[in-house]
C-alpha atoms as a PDB file:
ATOM      1  CA  MET A   1      92.369 -74.035  -4.529  1.00  0.00           C
ATOM      2  CA  LEU A   2      95.043 -74.245  -2.623  1.00  0.00           C
ATOM      3  CA  TYR A   3      97.707 -77.100  -3.639  1.00  0.00           C
ATOM      4  CA  GLY A   4     100.188 -78.569  -1.110  1.00  0.00           C
ATOM      5  CA  ILE A   5     100.832 -81.017   1.278  1.00  0.00           C
ATOM      6  CA  PRO A   6      99.002 -80.683   4.588  1.00  0.00           C
ATOM      7  CA  ASN A   7     101.979 -81.162   7.174  1.00  0.00           C
ATOM      8  CA  CYS A   8     104.413 -78.630   5.300  1.00  0.00           C
ATOM      9  CA  THR A   9     104.759 -75.807   7.646  1.00  0.00           C
ATOM     10  CA  THR A  10     104.284 -72.892   4.986  1.00  0.00           C
ATOM     11  CA  VAL A  11     100.992 -74.646   3.591  1.00  0.00           C
ATOM     12  CA  LYS A  12      99.649 -74.871   7.322  1.00  0.00           C
ATOM     13  CA  LYS A  13     100.324 -70.960   7.721  1.00  0.00           C
ATOM     14  CA  ALA A  14      98.521 -70.307   4.372  1.00  0.00           C
ATOM     15  CA  ARG A  15      95.723 -72.089   5.090  1.00  0.00           C
ATOM     16  CA  ALA A  16      95.542 -70.722   8.677  1.00  0.00           C
ATOM     17  CA  TRP A  17      95.454 -67.223   7.275  1.00  0.00           C
ATOM     18  CA  LEU A  18      92.838 -68.045   4.513  1.00  0.00           C
ATOM     19  CA  ALA A  19      90.480 -69.160   7.434  1.00  0.00           C
ATOM     20  CA  GLU A  20      91.349 -66.276   9.792  1.00  0.00           C
ATOM     21  CA  HIS A  21      90.461 -64.062   6.929  1.00  0.00           C
ATOM     22  CA  GLY A  22      87.236 -66.102   6.151  1.00  0.00           C
ATOM     23  CA  HIS A  23      88.177 -67.302   2.648  1.00  0.00           C
ATOM     24  CA  ASP A  24      86.863 -70.774   2.200  1.00  0.00           C
ATOM     25  CA  VAL A  25      89.477 -72.217  -0.397  1.00  0.00           C
ATOM     26  CA  ALA A  26      89.253 -75.915  -1.197  1.00  0.00           C
ATOM     27  CA  PHE A  27      92.825 -78.184  -0.313  1.00  0.00           C
ATOM     28  CA  HIS A  28      94.274 -80.368  -3.232  1.00  0.00           C
ATOM     29  CA  ASP A  29      96.873 -82.652  -1.147  1.00  0.00           C
ATOM     30  CA  PHE A  30      99.467 -83.683  -3.589  1.00  0.00           C
ATOM     31  CA  LYS A  31     100.078 -86.749  -1.137  1.00  0.00           C
ATOM     32  CA  LYS A  32      96.499 -88.161  -1.411  1.00  0.00           C
ATOM     33  CA  GLN A  33      95.135 -86.528  -4.662  1.00  0.00           C
ATOM     34  CA  GLY A  34      98.435 -86.738  -6.691  1.00  0.00           C
ATOM     35  CA  VAL A  35      99.667 -84.283  -9.340  1.00  0.00           C
ATOM     36  CA  ASP A  36      98.736 -83.820 -12.848  1.00  0.00           C
ATOM     37  CA  ALA A  37     100.822 -83.447 -15.532  1.00  0.00           C
ATOM     38  CA  ALA A  38      98.087 -80.813 -17.393  1.00  0.00           C
ATOM     39  CA  TRP A  39      98.129 -78.817 -14.177  1.00  0.00           C
ATOM     40  CA  LEU A  40     101.746 -78.751 -13.855  1.00  0.00           C
ATOM     41  CA  LYS A  41     102.021 -77.423 -17.490  1.00  0.00           C
ATOM     42  CA  ALA A  42      99.470 -74.689 -16.551  1.00  0.00           C
ATOM     43  CA  VAL A  43     101.195 -73.670 -13.469  1.00  0.00           C
ATOM     44  CA  ILE A  44     104.519 -73.474 -15.543  1.00  0.00           C
ATOM     45  CA  GLY A  45     103.209 -71.717 -18.072  1.00  0.00           C
ATOM     46  CA  GLN A  46     102.473 -68.613 -15.741  1.00  0.00           C
ATOM     47  CA  THR A  47     105.209 -68.832 -12.976  1.00  0.00           C
ATOM     48  CA  GLY A  48     108.065 -71.009 -15.083  1.00  0.00           C
ATOM     49  CA  TRP A  49     109.190 -74.187 -14.099  1.00  0.00           C
ATOM     50  CA  GLN A  50     112.206 -73.009 -12.111  1.00  0.00           C
ATOM     51  CA  ALA A  51     110.350 -71.006  -9.832  1.00  0.00           C
ATOM     52  CA  LEU A  52     107.924 -74.149  -9.296  1.00  0.00           C
ATOM     53  CA  LEU A  53     111.074 -76.518  -8.766  1.00  0.00           C
ATOM     54  CA  ASN A  54     111.621 -76.285  -4.891  1.00  0.00           C
ATOM     55  CA  THR A  55     115.476 -76.526  -5.012  1.00  0.00           C
ATOM     56  CA  ARG A  56     115.569 -75.521  -1.312  1.00  0.00           C
ATOM     57  CA  GLY A  57     113.801 -78.386   0.304  1.00  0.00           C
ATOM     58  CA  THR A  58     114.812 -81.462   1.915  1.00  0.00           C
ATOM     59  CA  THR A  59     113.449 -83.677  -0.880  1.00  0.00           C
ATOM     60  CA  TRP A  60     116.040 -81.896  -3.268  1.00  0.00           C
ATOM     61  CA  ARG A  61     118.756 -82.228  -0.995  1.00  0.00           C
ATOM     62  CA  LYS A  62     118.261 -86.283  -0.887  1.00  0.00           C
ATOM     63  CA  LEU A  63     118.337 -86.397  -4.404  1.00  0.00           C
ATOM     64  CA  SER A  64     121.385 -87.904  -6.346  1.00  0.00           C
ATOM     65  CA  ASP A  65     123.199 -85.626  -8.403  1.00  0.00           C
ATOM     66  CA  ALA A  66     121.849 -87.468 -11.441  1.00  0.00           C
ATOM     67  CA  GLU A  67     118.348 -86.720 -10.452  1.00  0.00           C
ATOM     68  CA  LYS A  68     119.176 -83.526 -10.003  1.00  0.00           C
ATOM     69  CA  THR A  69     120.926 -83.141 -13.331  1.00  0.00           C
ATOM     70  CA  ALA A  70     118.138 -85.019 -15.002  1.00  0.00           C
ATOM     71  CA  ALA A  71     115.694 -82.002 -13.515  1.00  0.00           C
ATOM     72  CA  SER A  72     117.681 -78.990 -15.358  1.00  0.00           C
ATOM     73  CA  ASP A  73     115.469 -78.611 -18.029  1.00  0.00           C
ATOM     74  CA  GLU A  74     111.663 -78.254 -18.186  1.00  0.00           C
ATOM     75  CA  ALA A  75     110.892 -81.674 -19.224  1.00  0.00           C
ATOM     76  CA  GLY A  76     112.980 -83.329 -16.578  1.00  0.00           C
ATOM     77  CA  ALA A  77     111.833 -81.050 -13.920  1.00  0.00           C
ATOM     78  CA  ILE A  78     108.203 -81.890 -14.710  1.00  0.00           C
ATOM     79  CA  GLY A  79     108.945 -86.008 -14.757  1.00  0.00           C
ATOM     80  CA  LEU A  80     110.879 -85.256 -11.246  1.00  0.00           C
ATOM     81  CA  MET A  81     107.758 -83.335  -9.854  1.00  0.00           C
ATOM     82  CA  LEU A  82     105.238 -85.976 -11.270  1.00  0.00           C
ATOM     83  CA  ALA A  83     107.402 -88.683  -9.441  1.00  0.00           C
ATOM     84  CA  GLN A  84     108.001 -86.603  -6.036  1.00  0.00           C
ATOM     85  CA  SER A  85     105.427 -83.807  -5.495  1.00  0.00           C
ATOM     86  CA  SER A  86     107.492 -82.757  -2.396  1.00  0.00           C
ATOM     87  CA  VAL A  87     109.943 -81.113  -4.965  1.00  0.00           C
ATOM     88  CA  ILE A  88     107.029 -78.570  -6.167  1.00  0.00           C
ATOM     89  CA  LYS A  89     107.171 -75.398  -4.296  1.00  0.00           C
ATOM     90  CA  ARG A  90     104.229 -74.898  -1.513  1.00  0.00           C
ATOM     91  CA  PRO A  91     101.711 -73.757  -1.584  1.00  0.00           C
ATOM     92  CA  VAL A  92     100.511 -72.950  -4.592  1.00  0.00           C
ATOM     93  CA  LEU A  93      97.353 -70.713  -4.573  1.00  0.00           C
ATOM     94  CA  GLU A  94      94.852 -70.579  -7.532  1.00  0.00           C
ATOM     95  CA  VAL A  95      92.484 -67.897  -7.561  1.00  0.00           C
ATOM     96  CA  GLU A  96      90.748 -66.655 -10.676  1.00  0.00           C
ATOM     97  CA  GLY A  97      92.859 -68.934 -12.730  1.00  0.00           C
ATOM     98  CA  ARG A  98      96.232 -67.421 -11.781  1.00  0.00           C
ATOM     99  CA  TYR A  99      98.661 -69.464  -9.935  1.00  0.00           C
ATOM    100  CA  HIS A 100     100.484 -67.708  -6.935  1.00  0.00           C
ATOM    101  CA  LEU A 101     103.774 -69.610  -5.732  1.00  0.00           C
ATOM    102  CA  GLY A 102     104.481 -69.649  -1.953  1.00  0.00           C
ATOM    103  CA  PHE A 103     102.915 -67.554   1.343  1.00  0.00           C
ATOM    104  CA  ALA A 104     103.477 -64.376   2.518  1.00  0.00           C
ATOM    105  CA  GLU A 105     100.873 -62.339   4.123  1.00  0.00           C
ATOM    106  CA  GLU A 106     101.601 -59.416   2.223  1.00  0.00           C
ATOM    107  CA  GLN A 107     101.172 -61.495  -0.705  1.00  0.00           C
ATOM    108  CA  TYR A 108      97.718 -62.895   0.112  1.00  0.00           C
ATOM    109  CA  GLN A 109      96.853 -59.230   1.278  1.00  0.00           C
ATOM    110  CA  SER A 110      97.169 -58.146  -2.269  1.00  0.00           C
ATOM    111  CA  ILE A 111      95.531 -61.159  -3.977  1.00  0.00           C
ATOM    112  CA  PHE A 112      92.325 -60.966  -1.740  1.00  0.00           C
ATOM    113  CA  GLY A 113      92.498 -57.156  -0.886  1.00  0.00           C
ATOM    114  CA  SER A 114      92.000 -57.744   2.774  1.00  0.00           C
END
């Protein structure tokens, strides 16, 4: 399963790589299908909340200082990610119960052995 936002450039690259390499991976659109707290906690359990919270994107830069401060711990970060899915690092690839953040061709080659 690939999680993300369809118009995200990195998600587009990941989806194109997967298609080119014959990997039929279902896509979960955060904007249409939402984000679940239990899913966030599962991903955070493997990656840590700091890695999952995208503090480099446009959405983060547009937040107020108070909103950024409120996301300075796991509970606050989860609350922000539930409210604004655009602050979740994308894409999130789930393969065999493991979550992988972002996209790099070498990373995907390693995951899929191709």
